[in-house]
């Protein structure tokens, strides 16, 4: 609902003793309900998605992003703000402990989008409008997001910034359990 429809309605002003018109009150109630519904949908989506990921996968790798820098792009800022990336990571973190999963956070400077998942060649320039990744070296063509996810899966230990959940050194092997 576009809020400029309310521009001609009598708004409340306590300093001047003016009360809001009934139409303005009804309109603001309608807007409030819509905002509440959208907030509930976003919360439900985050809960269901993080639960699904933690129940389905034992080892999850996510990329640390420069959200502040991404918000500087005025064309993307509203969409990025709506995603709730911090809340997604927070929920994924505590649910990983519940379901005994492992989450690896990959460094934000790792070239997951620019690197070819087939041969390892790194592109120097890649714009946001390039949705298909085409390698200059081997000619490999793949969706850009799929290429980035494959690169994150193959990311070396040196680019992992944070490990959340179980760590392999803490696990005991089956042989040590059998011998005791």
N, C-alpha and C. Protein backbone atom coordinates (compact mmCIF):
# COMPACT_ATOMS: atom_id res chain seq x y z
N UNK A 1 0.85 -1.18 0.00
CA UNK A 1 0.00 0.00 0.00
C UNK A 1 0.89 1.24 0.00
N UNK A 2 0.61 2.15 -0.85
CA UNK A 2 1.42 3.35 -0.96
C UNK A 2 0.95 4.37 0.07
N UNK A 3 1.90 4.87 0.87
CA UNK A 3 1.53 5.71 2.00
C UNK A 3 1.23 7.15 1.61
N UNK A 4 1.52 7.53 0.37
CA UNK A 4 1.19 8.91 0.00
C UNK A 4 -0.31 9.11 -0.17
N UNK A 5 -1.10 8.01 -0.15
CA UNK A 5 -2.56 8.15 -0.18
C UNK A 5 -3.07 8.84 1.07
N UNK A 6 -2.26 8.85 2.10
CA UNK A 6 -2.68 9.45 3.37
C UNK A 6 -2.34 10.94 3.46
N UNK A 7 -1.83 11.53 2.39
CA UNK A 7 -1.33 12.90 2.46
C UNK A 7 -2.42 13.94 2.70
N UNK A 8 -3.66 13.66 2.32
CA UNK A 8 -4.73 14.65 2.50
C UNK A 8 -5.58 14.39 3.75
N UNK A 9 -5.26 13.36 4.49
CA UNK A 9 -6.04 13.06 5.69
C UNK A 9 -5.54 13.90 6.87
N UNK A 10 -6.43 14.20 7.79
CA UNK A 10 -6.09 15.02 8.96
C UNK A 10 -5.25 14.19 9.93
N UNK A 11 -3.99 14.57 10.11
CA UNK A 11 -3.10 13.86 11.01
C UNK A 11 -3.18 14.47 12.40
N UNK A 12 -2.79 13.67 13.39
CA UNK A 12 -2.84 14.13 14.78
C UNK A 12 -1.65 15.04 15.07
N UNK A 13 -1.92 16.12 15.81
CA UNK A 13 -0.88 17.04 16.26
C UNK A 13 -1.23 17.42 17.70
N UNK A 14 -0.57 16.83 18.67
CA UNK A 14 -0.91 17.06 20.08
C UNK A 14 -0.59 18.48 20.54
N UNK A 15 0.47 19.06 19.98
CA UNK A 15 0.84 20.42 20.39
C UNK A 15 -0.25 21.42 20.04
N UNK A 16 -0.88 21.23 18.90
CA UNK A 16 -1.93 22.14 18.47
C UNK A 16 -3.32 21.67 18.89
N UNK A 17 -3.40 20.50 19.51
CA UNK A 17 -4.68 19.98 19.98
C UNK A 17 -5.55 19.43 18.87
N UNK A 18 -4.96 19.02 17.77
CA UNK A 18 -5.71 18.50 16.63
C UNK A 18 -5.69 16.98 16.70
N UNK A 19 -6.86 16.36 16.59
CA UNK A 19 -6.95 14.91 16.61
C UNK A 19 -6.96 14.38 15.18
N UNK A 20 -6.50 13.17 15.03
CA UNK A 20 -6.47 12.55 13.71
C UNK A 20 -7.88 12.19 13.28
N UNK A 21 -8.13 12.28 11.98
CA UNK A 21 -9.44 11.91 11.46
C UNK A 21 -9.61 10.40 11.53
N UNK A 22 -10.84 9.95 11.49
CA UNK A 22 -11.12 8.51 11.55
C UNK A 22 -10.54 7.79 10.34
N UNK A 23 -10.59 8.46 9.17
CA UNK A 23 -10.02 7.85 7.98
C UNK A 23 -8.51 7.68 8.11
N UNK A 24 -7.84 8.65 8.71
CA UNK A 24 -6.40 8.54 8.92
C UNK A 24 -6.09 7.40 9.88
N UNK A 25 -6.88 7.27 10.96
CA UNK A 25 -6.67 6.17 11.91
C UNK A 25 -6.86 4.82 11.24
N UNK A 26 -7.91 4.70 10.43
CA UNK A 26 -8.17 3.43 9.74
C UNK A 26 -7.02 3.11 8.77
N UNK A 27 -6.55 4.14 8.09
CA UNK A 27 -5.48 3.95 7.12
C UNK A 27 -4.19 3.52 7.80
N UNK A 28 -3.84 4.17 8.92
CA UNK A 28 -2.63 3.79 9.65
C UNK A 28 -2.75 2.40 10.25
N UNK A 29 -3.93 2.00 10.66
CA UNK A 29 -4.13 0.63 11.14
C UNK A 29 -3.88 -0.38 10.02
N UNK A 30 -4.37 -0.04 8.83
CA UNK A 30 -4.18 -0.92 7.68
C UNK A 30 -2.69 -1.06 7.35
N UNK A 31 -1.96 0.05 7.35
CA UNK A 31 -0.52 0.04 7.09
C UNK A 31 0.22 -0.75 8.16
N UNK A 32 -0.16 -0.55 9.43
CA UNK A 32 0.48 -1.25 10.55
C UNK A 32 0.30 -2.75 10.41
N UNK A 33 -0.90 -3.20 10.03
CA UNK A 33 -1.15 -4.63 9.85
C UNK A 33 -0.33 -5.21 8.71
N UNK A 34 -0.20 -4.45 7.63
CA UNK A 34 0.60 -4.93 6.51
C UNK A 34 2.08 -5.06 6.89
N UNK A 35 2.61 -4.09 7.60
CA UNK A 35 4.01 -4.16 8.05
C UNK A 35 4.21 -5.33 9.00
N UNK A 36 3.25 -5.57 9.88
CA UNK A 36 3.33 -6.69 10.81
C UNK A 36 3.31 -8.02 10.05
N UNK A 37 2.46 -8.12 9.04
CA UNK A 37 2.37 -9.34 8.26
C UNK A 37 3.68 -9.62 7.51
N UNK A 38 4.27 -8.58 6.94
CA UNK A 38 5.54 -8.75 6.23
C UNK A 38 6.65 -9.17 7.20
N UNK A 39 6.68 -8.58 8.38
CA UNK A 39 7.69 -8.93 9.39
C UNK A 39 7.53 -10.39 9.82
N UNK A 40 6.30 -10.83 9.99
CA UNK A 40 6.05 -12.22 10.38
C UNK A 40 6.44 -13.19 9.28
N UNK A 41 6.18 -12.82 8.02
CA UNK A 41 6.58 -13.66 6.90
C UNK A 41 8.09 -13.80 6.82
N UNK A 42 8.80 -12.69 7.03
CA UNK A 42 10.26 -12.71 6.99
C UNK A 42 10.81 -13.59 8.12
N UNK A 43 10.25 -13.44 9.31
CA UNK A 43 10.70 -14.24 10.45
C UNK A 43 10.44 -15.73 10.21
N UNK A 44 9.27 -16.05 9.67
CA UNK A 44 8.92 -17.44 9.39
C UNK A 44 9.84 -18.04 8.34
N UNK A 45 10.15 -17.27 7.29
CA UNK A 45 11.06 -17.74 6.24
C UNK A 45 12.43 -18.05 6.82
N UNK A 46 12.96 -17.14 7.65
CA UNK A 46 14.28 -17.37 8.23
C UNK A 46 14.28 -18.60 9.13
N UNK A 47 13.24 -18.76 9.95
CA UNK A 47 13.16 -19.92 10.84
C UNK A 47 13.12 -21.22 10.04
N UNK A 48 12.24 -21.27 9.04
CA UNK A 48 12.09 -22.50 8.26
C UNK A 48 13.35 -22.83 7.46
N UNK A 49 13.96 -21.82 6.86
CA UNK A 49 15.15 -22.06 6.04
C UNK A 49 16.32 -22.53 6.87
N UNK A 50 16.59 -21.86 8.00
CA UNK A 50 17.72 -22.27 8.83
C UNK A 50 17.49 -23.65 9.44
N UNK A 51 16.26 -23.96 9.83
CA UNK A 51 15.97 -25.29 10.36
C UNK A 51 16.18 -26.36 9.29
N UNK A 52 15.70 -26.09 8.09
CA UNK A 52 15.87 -27.05 6.99
C UNK A 52 17.35 -27.30 6.71
N UNK A 53 18.13 -26.22 6.64
CA UNK A 53 19.56 -26.37 6.35
C UNK A 53 20.26 -27.19 7.44
N UNK A 54 19.95 -26.91 8.70
CA UNK A 54 20.61 -27.62 9.80
C UNK A 54 20.17 -29.08 9.90
N UNK A 55 18.92 -29.36 9.54
CA UNK A 55 18.45 -30.75 9.58
C UNK A 55 18.98 -31.55 8.40
N UNK A 56 19.24 -30.88 7.28
CA UNK A 56 19.61 -31.58 6.05
C UNK A 56 21.11 -31.77 5.91
N UNK A 57 21.90 -30.77 6.29
CA UNK A 57 23.34 -30.80 6.04
C UNK A 57 24.12 -30.78 7.35
N UNK A 58 25.16 -31.61 7.42
CA UNK A 58 25.98 -31.68 8.63
C UNK A 58 27.08 -30.64 8.63
N UNK A 59 27.52 -30.22 7.45
CA UNK A 59 28.62 -29.26 7.33
C UNK A 59 28.18 -28.16 6.36
N UNK A 60 28.10 -26.94 6.85
CA UNK A 60 27.62 -25.80 6.06
C UNK A 60 28.74 -24.77 6.00
N UNK A 61 28.97 -24.23 4.81
CA UNK A 61 29.95 -23.15 4.64
C UNK A 61 29.19 -21.91 4.17
N UNK A 62 29.42 -20.80 4.87
CA UNK A 62 28.81 -19.53 4.48
C UNK A 62 29.92 -18.51 4.29
N UNK A 63 29.62 -17.50 3.51
CA UNK A 63 30.62 -16.48 3.22
C UNK A 63 30.35 -15.24 4.06
N UNK A 64 31.38 -14.73 4.68
CA UNK A 64 31.28 -13.49 5.42
C UNK A 64 31.20 -12.37 4.38
N UNK A 65 30.19 -11.50 4.50
CA UNK A 65 29.99 -10.45 3.50
C UNK A 65 30.17 -9.07 4.11
N UNK A 66 30.60 -8.13 3.31
CA UNK A 66 30.73 -6.74 3.71
C UNK A 66 29.38 -6.06 3.50
N UNK A 67 28.47 -6.25 4.44
CA UNK A 67 27.11 -5.75 4.29
C UNK A 67 27.09 -4.23 4.28
N UNK A 68 27.93 -3.60 5.08
CA UNK A 68 27.97 -2.14 5.12
C UNK A 68 28.36 -1.58 3.75
N UNK A 69 29.32 -2.21 3.11
CA UNK A 69 29.73 -1.78 1.78
C UNK A 69 28.65 -2.03 0.74
N UNK A 70 27.92 -3.14 0.90
CA UNK A 70 26.83 -3.46 -0.03
C UNK A 70 25.67 -2.49 0.13
N UNK A 71 25.47 -2.00 1.35
CA UNK A 71 24.39 -1.05 1.61
C UNK A 71 24.68 0.32 0.98
N UNK A 72 25.94 0.59 0.65
CA UNK A 72 26.29 1.86 0.03
C UNK A 72 25.75 1.96 -1.39
N UNK A 73 25.50 0.81 -2.02
CA UNK A 73 24.91 0.81 -3.36
C UNK A 73 23.42 1.09 -3.22
N UNK A 74 22.99 2.30 -3.58
CA UNK A 74 21.60 2.70 -3.35
C UNK A 74 20.59 1.87 -4.12
N UNK A 75 21.02 1.21 -5.19
CA UNK A 75 20.10 0.38 -5.96
C UNK A 75 19.82 -0.95 -5.27
N UNK A 76 20.78 -1.43 -4.47
CA UNK A 76 20.63 -2.72 -3.79
C UNK A 76 20.31 -2.61 -2.31
N UNK A 77 20.43 -1.41 -1.75
CA UNK A 77 20.36 -1.24 -0.30
C UNK A 77 19.05 -1.75 0.30
N UNK A 78 17.93 -1.44 -0.31
CA UNK A 78 16.64 -1.86 0.24
C UNK A 78 16.50 -3.38 0.23
N UNK A 79 16.92 -4.01 -0.86
CA UNK A 79 16.83 -5.47 -0.96
C UNK A 79 17.74 -6.16 0.04
N UNK A 80 18.93 -5.62 0.22
CA UNK A 80 19.88 -6.22 1.17
C UNK A 80 19.40 -6.04 2.60
N UNK A 81 18.82 -4.89 2.90
CA UNK A 81 18.31 -4.64 4.25
C UNK A 81 17.14 -5.57 4.57
N UNK A 82 16.34 -5.90 3.57
CA UNK A 82 15.18 -6.78 3.79
C UNK A 82 15.58 -8.23 4.06
N UNK A 83 16.77 -8.63 3.65
CA UNK A 83 17.18 -10.03 3.77
C UNK A 83 17.40 -10.48 5.21
N UNK A 84 17.90 -9.60 6.05
CA UNK A 84 18.18 -9.97 7.43
C UNK A 84 19.33 -10.95 7.52
N UNK A 85 20.47 -10.59 6.94
CA UNK A 85 21.62 -11.50 6.88
C UNK A 85 22.18 -11.83 8.26
N UNK A 86 22.24 -10.84 9.13
CA UNK A 86 22.77 -11.10 10.48
C UNK A 86 21.85 -12.08 11.21
N UNK A 87 20.54 -11.89 11.09
CA UNK A 87 19.60 -12.79 11.76
C UNK A 87 19.72 -14.20 11.19
N UNK A 88 19.94 -14.32 9.90
CA UNK A 88 20.12 -15.62 9.27
C UNK A 88 21.34 -16.33 9.86
N UNK A 89 22.46 -15.61 9.97
CA UNK A 89 23.68 -16.20 10.52
C UNK A 89 23.49 -16.54 12.00
N UNK A 90 22.82 -15.68 12.75
CA UNK A 90 22.59 -15.91 14.17
C UNK A 90 21.77 -17.19 14.39
N UNK A 91 20.68 -17.32 13.62
CA UNK A 91 19.84 -18.51 13.76
C UNK A 91 20.57 -19.77 13.30
N UNK A 92 21.32 -19.65 12.23
CA UNK A 92 22.08 -20.80 11.73
C UNK A 92 23.11 -21.24 12.77
N UNK A 93 23.70 -20.28 13.47
CA UNK A 93 24.71 -20.59 14.48
C UNK A 93 24.12 -21.36 15.66
N UNK A 94 23.02 -20.85 16.22
CA UNK A 94 22.51 -21.55 17.40
C UNK A 94 21.83 -22.86 17.03
N UNK A 95 21.28 -22.95 15.83
CA UNK A 95 20.66 -24.23 15.43
C UNK A 95 21.73 -25.26 15.08
N UNK A 96 22.90 -24.80 14.64
CA UNK A 96 24.00 -25.72 14.37
C UNK A 96 24.44 -26.41 15.66
N UNK A 97 24.41 -25.68 16.76
CA UNK A 97 24.76 -26.29 18.05
C UNK A 97 23.68 -27.28 18.48
N UNK A 98 22.42 -26.98 18.21
CA UNK A 98 21.33 -27.90 18.55
C UNK A 98 21.46 -29.21 17.79
N UNK A 99 21.70 -29.11 16.50
CA UNK A 99 21.72 -30.29 15.63
C UNK A 99 23.13 -30.85 15.45
N UNK A 100 24.08 -30.38 16.21
CA UNK A 100 25.49 -30.76 16.15
C UNK A 100 26.05 -30.70 14.73
N UNK A 101 25.85 -29.57 14.10
CA UNK A 101 26.39 -29.32 12.76
C UNK A 101 27.68 -28.52 12.88
N UNK A 102 28.34 -28.39 11.75
CA UNK A 102 29.53 -27.55 11.68
C UNK A 102 29.29 -26.45 10.65
N UNK A 103 29.61 -25.23 11.02
CA UNK A 103 29.50 -24.10 10.11
C UNK A 103 30.87 -23.47 9.99
N UNK A 104 31.34 -23.32 8.76
CA UNK A 104 32.59 -22.63 8.48
C UNK A 104 32.25 -21.29 7.83
N UNK A 105 32.81 -20.22 8.37
CA UNK A 105 32.61 -18.89 7.80
C UNK A 105 33.85 -18.57 6.97
N UNK A 106 33.64 -18.36 5.68
CA UNK A 106 34.73 -18.10 4.74
C UNK A 106 35.00 -16.60 4.69
N UNK A 107 36.26 -16.24 4.56
CA UNK A 107 36.70 -14.84 4.50
C UNK A 107 35.99 -14.11 3.36
N UNK A 108 35.62 -12.85 3.61
CA UNK A 108 34.89 -12.07 2.61
C UNK A 108 35.74 -11.74 1.38
N UNK A 109 37.05 -11.82 1.48
CA UNK A 109 37.92 -11.49 0.36
C UNK A 109 38.27 -12.70 -0.49
N UNK A 110 37.77 -13.87 -0.13
CA UNK A 110 38.00 -15.06 -0.95
C UNK A 110 37.24 -14.89 -2.27
N UNK A 111 37.90 -15.07 -3.43
CA UNK A 111 37.24 -14.79 -4.71
C UNK A 111 36.30 -15.90 -5.17
N UNK A 112 35.24 -16.14 -4.44
CA UNK A 112 34.34 -17.24 -4.76
C UNK A 112 33.58 -17.01 -6.07
N UNK A 113 33.26 -15.77 -6.39
CA UNK A 113 32.53 -15.48 -7.63
C UNK A 113 33.47 -15.33 -8.82
N UNK A 114 34.68 -14.86 -8.58
CA UNK A 114 35.61 -14.56 -9.67
C UNK A 114 36.45 -15.76 -10.11
N UNK A 115 36.48 -16.80 -9.30
CA UNK A 115 37.35 -17.95 -9.57
C UNK A 115 36.58 -19.03 -10.32
N UNK A 116 37.22 -19.62 -11.33
CA UNK A 116 36.60 -20.71 -12.10
C UNK A 116 36.63 -21.98 -11.25
N UNK A 117 35.49 -22.62 -11.09
CA UNK A 117 35.43 -23.84 -10.29
C UNK A 117 35.97 -25.04 -11.05
N UNK A 118 36.20 -24.89 -12.36
CA UNK A 118 36.70 -25.98 -13.18
C UNK A 118 38.23 -26.00 -13.24
N UNK A 119 38.85 -24.84 -13.56
CA UNK A 119 40.31 -24.82 -13.72
C UNK A 119 41.02 -23.96 -12.67
N UNK A 120 40.30 -23.11 -11.93
CA UNK A 120 40.91 -22.30 -10.89
C UNK A 120 41.38 -20.94 -11.34
N UNK A 121 41.16 -20.58 -12.60
CA UNK A 121 41.57 -19.27 -13.11
C UNK A 121 40.71 -18.18 -12.45
N UNK A 122 41.34 -17.07 -12.11
CA UNK A 122 40.63 -15.97 -11.45
C UNK A 122 40.47 -14.80 -12.41
N UNK A 123 39.21 -14.35 -12.57
CA UNK A 123 38.93 -13.18 -13.41
C UNK A 123 39.25 -11.92 -12.62
N UNK A 124 39.72 -10.91 -13.31
CA UNK A 124 40.03 -9.63 -12.65
C UNK A 124 38.77 -8.79 -12.46
N UNK A 125 37.94 -8.70 -13.49
CA UNK A 125 36.74 -7.87 -13.44
C UNK A 125 35.52 -8.76 -13.64
N UNK A 126 34.50 -8.54 -12.80
CA UNK A 126 33.23 -9.25 -12.91
C UNK A 126 32.15 -8.32 -12.38
N UNK A 127 31.20 -7.95 -13.22
CA UNK A 127 30.16 -7.03 -12.77
C UNK A 127 28.95 -7.80 -12.25
N UNK A 128 28.09 -7.11 -11.53
CA UNK A 128 26.89 -7.75 -10.98
C UNK A 128 25.92 -8.19 -12.07
N UNK A 129 25.97 -7.56 -13.22
CA UNK A 129 25.06 -7.92 -14.30
C UNK A 129 25.45 -9.22 -15.00
N UNK A 130 26.68 -9.67 -14.81
CA UNK A 130 27.12 -10.94 -15.40
C UNK A 130 26.56 -12.09 -14.58
N UNK A 131 25.46 -12.68 -15.03
CA UNK A 131 24.82 -13.77 -14.29
C UNK A 131 25.39 -15.12 -14.70
N UNK A 132 26.06 -15.18 -15.85
CA UNK A 132 26.66 -16.41 -16.33
C UNK A 132 28.17 -16.24 -16.27
N UNK A 133 28.84 -17.17 -15.57
CA UNK A 133 30.30 -17.12 -15.48
C UNK A 133 30.89 -17.87 -16.66
N UNK A 134 31.71 -17.19 -17.44
CA UNK A 134 32.40 -17.80 -18.58
C UNK A 134 33.90 -17.64 -18.33
N UNK A 135 34.59 -18.76 -18.20
CA UNK A 135 36.03 -18.73 -17.92
C UNK A 135 36.80 -18.35 -19.19
N UNK A 136 37.75 -17.44 -19.03
CA UNK A 136 38.58 -17.00 -20.15
C UNK A 136 39.63 -18.05 -20.53
N UNK A 137 40.02 -18.89 -19.59
CA UNK A 137 41.07 -19.89 -19.82
C UNK A 137 40.52 -21.16 -20.48
N UNK A 138 39.53 -21.78 -19.82
CA UNK A 138 39.05 -23.09 -20.30
C UNK A 138 37.71 -23.02 -21.03
N UNK A 139 37.04 -21.86 -21.03
CA UNK A 139 35.76 -21.72 -21.73
C UNK A 139 34.58 -22.32 -20.98
N UNK A 140 34.77 -22.67 -19.73
CA UNK A 140 33.72 -23.28 -18.90
C UNK A 140 32.61 -22.27 -18.63
N UNK A 141 31.35 -22.66 -18.85
CA UNK A 141 30.20 -21.79 -18.61
C UNK A 141 29.33 -22.38 -17.52
N UNK A 142 28.96 -21.53 -16.55
CA UNK A 142 28.15 -21.98 -15.42
C UNK A 142 27.45 -20.76 -14.81
N UNK A 143 26.34 -20.99 -14.15
CA UNK A 143 25.66 -19.91 -13.45
C UNK A 143 26.58 -19.33 -12.39
N UNK A 144 26.58 -18.03 -12.27
CA UNK A 144 27.52 -17.35 -11.38
C UNK A 144 27.36 -17.80 -9.92
N UNK A 145 26.13 -17.91 -9.44
CA UNK A 145 25.90 -18.30 -8.05
C UNK A 145 26.29 -19.75 -7.80
N UNK A 146 26.02 -20.61 -8.77
CA UNK A 146 26.41 -22.01 -8.64
C UNK A 146 27.94 -22.14 -8.61
N UNK A 147 28.61 -21.37 -9.45
CA UNK A 147 30.07 -21.35 -9.47
C UNK A 147 30.62 -20.92 -8.11
N UNK A 148 30.02 -19.86 -7.54
CA UNK A 148 30.47 -19.38 -6.23
C UNK A 148 30.25 -20.43 -5.14
N UNK A 149 29.11 -21.13 -5.20
CA UNK A 149 28.85 -22.14 -4.17
C UNK A 149 29.81 -23.33 -4.29
N UNK A 150 30.17 -23.70 -5.50
CA UNK A 150 31.15 -24.78 -5.69
C UNK A 150 32.51 -24.34 -5.15
N UNK A 151 32.88 -23.08 -5.42
CA UNK A 151 34.16 -22.57 -4.90
C UNK A 151 34.16 -22.50 -3.38
N UNK A 152 33.04 -22.15 -2.77
CA UNK A 152 32.96 -22.13 -1.31
C UNK A 152 33.09 -23.54 -0.74
N UNK A 153 32.51 -24.50 -1.43
CA UNK A 153 32.61 -25.89 -0.99
C UNK A 153 34.05 -26.38 -1.04
N UNK A 154 34.80 -25.93 -2.05
CA UNK A 154 36.19 -26.35 -2.24
C UNK A 154 37.19 -25.41 -1.57
N UNK A 155 36.71 -24.46 -0.79
CA UNK A 155 37.60 -23.45 -0.18
C UNK A 155 38.61 -24.12 0.74
N UNK A 156 39.87 -23.68 0.67
CA UNK A 156 40.91 -24.26 1.54
C UNK A 156 40.74 -23.81 2.99
N UNK A 157 41.36 -24.54 3.90
CA UNK A 157 41.28 -24.23 5.33
C UNK A 157 41.83 -22.85 5.66
N UNK A 158 42.75 -22.35 4.85
CA UNK A 158 43.40 -21.08 5.15
C UNK A 158 42.46 -19.88 5.04
N UNK A 159 41.34 -20.01 4.33
CA UNK A 159 40.42 -18.88 4.17
C UNK A 159 39.24 -18.96 5.14
N UNK A 160 39.22 -19.96 5.99
CA UNK A 160 38.14 -20.08 6.97
C UNK A 160 38.44 -19.14 8.13
N UNK A 161 37.53 -18.21 8.36
CA UNK A 161 37.70 -17.21 9.40
C UNK A 161 37.24 -17.73 10.75
N UNK A 162 36.15 -18.47 10.73
CA UNK A 162 35.51 -18.88 11.98
C UNK A 162 34.92 -20.27 11.80
N UNK A 163 35.07 -21.11 12.81
CA UNK A 163 34.47 -22.45 12.80
C UNK A 163 33.46 -22.50 13.94
N UNK A 164 32.24 -22.85 13.60
CA UNK A 164 31.16 -22.91 14.58
C UNK A 164 30.65 -24.35 14.62
N UNK A 165 30.42 -24.86 15.81
CA UNK A 165 29.92 -26.22 15.94
C UNK A 165 31.06 -27.18 16.17
N UNK A 166 30.87 -28.41 15.78
CA UNK A 166 31.88 -29.44 16.04
C UNK A 166 33.11 -29.23 15.18
N UNK A 167 34.23 -29.60 15.74
CA UNK A 167 35.51 -29.53 15.04
C UNK A 167 36.07 -30.94 14.96
N UNK A 168 36.66 -31.30 13.84
CA UNK A 168 37.08 -32.68 13.61
C UNK A 168 38.07 -33.20 14.64
N UNK A 169 38.91 -32.34 15.20
CA UNK A 169 39.89 -32.81 16.17
C UNK A 169 39.24 -33.21 17.49
N UNK A 170 38.04 -32.70 17.76
CA UNK A 170 37.35 -33.05 19.00
C UNK A 170 36.65 -34.40 18.89
N UNK A 171 36.40 -34.86 17.67
CA UNK A 171 35.70 -36.13 17.49
C UNK A 171 36.67 -37.28 17.68
N UNK A 172 36.18 -38.34 18.26
CA UNK A 172 37.02 -39.52 18.43
C UNK A 172 36.74 -40.48 17.28
N UNK A 173 37.75 -41.17 16.87
CA UNK A 173 37.58 -42.11 15.75
C UNK A 173 36.90 -43.39 16.24
N UNK A 174 36.35 -44.13 15.32
CA UNK A 174 35.68 -45.39 15.64
C UNK A 174 36.68 -46.40 16.20
N UNK A 175 37.92 -46.40 15.71
CA UNK A 175 38.93 -47.35 16.17
C UNK A 175 39.27 -47.13 17.65
N UNK A 176 39.33 -45.84 18.07
CA UNK A 176 39.66 -45.57 19.48
C UNK A 176 38.52 -45.99 20.39
N UNK A 177 37.29 -45.94 19.90
CA UNK A 177 36.15 -46.37 20.71
C UNK A 177 36.16 -47.87 20.85
N UNK A 178 36.48 -48.60 19.77
CA UNK A 178 36.49 -50.06 19.80
C UNK A 178 37.59 -50.59 20.70
N UNK A 179 38.75 -49.92 20.73
CA UNK A 179 39.88 -50.42 21.51
C UNK A 179 39.70 -50.19 23.01
N UNK A 180 38.83 -49.26 23.42
CA UNK A 180 38.67 -49.01 24.85
C UNK A 180 37.62 -49.85 25.49
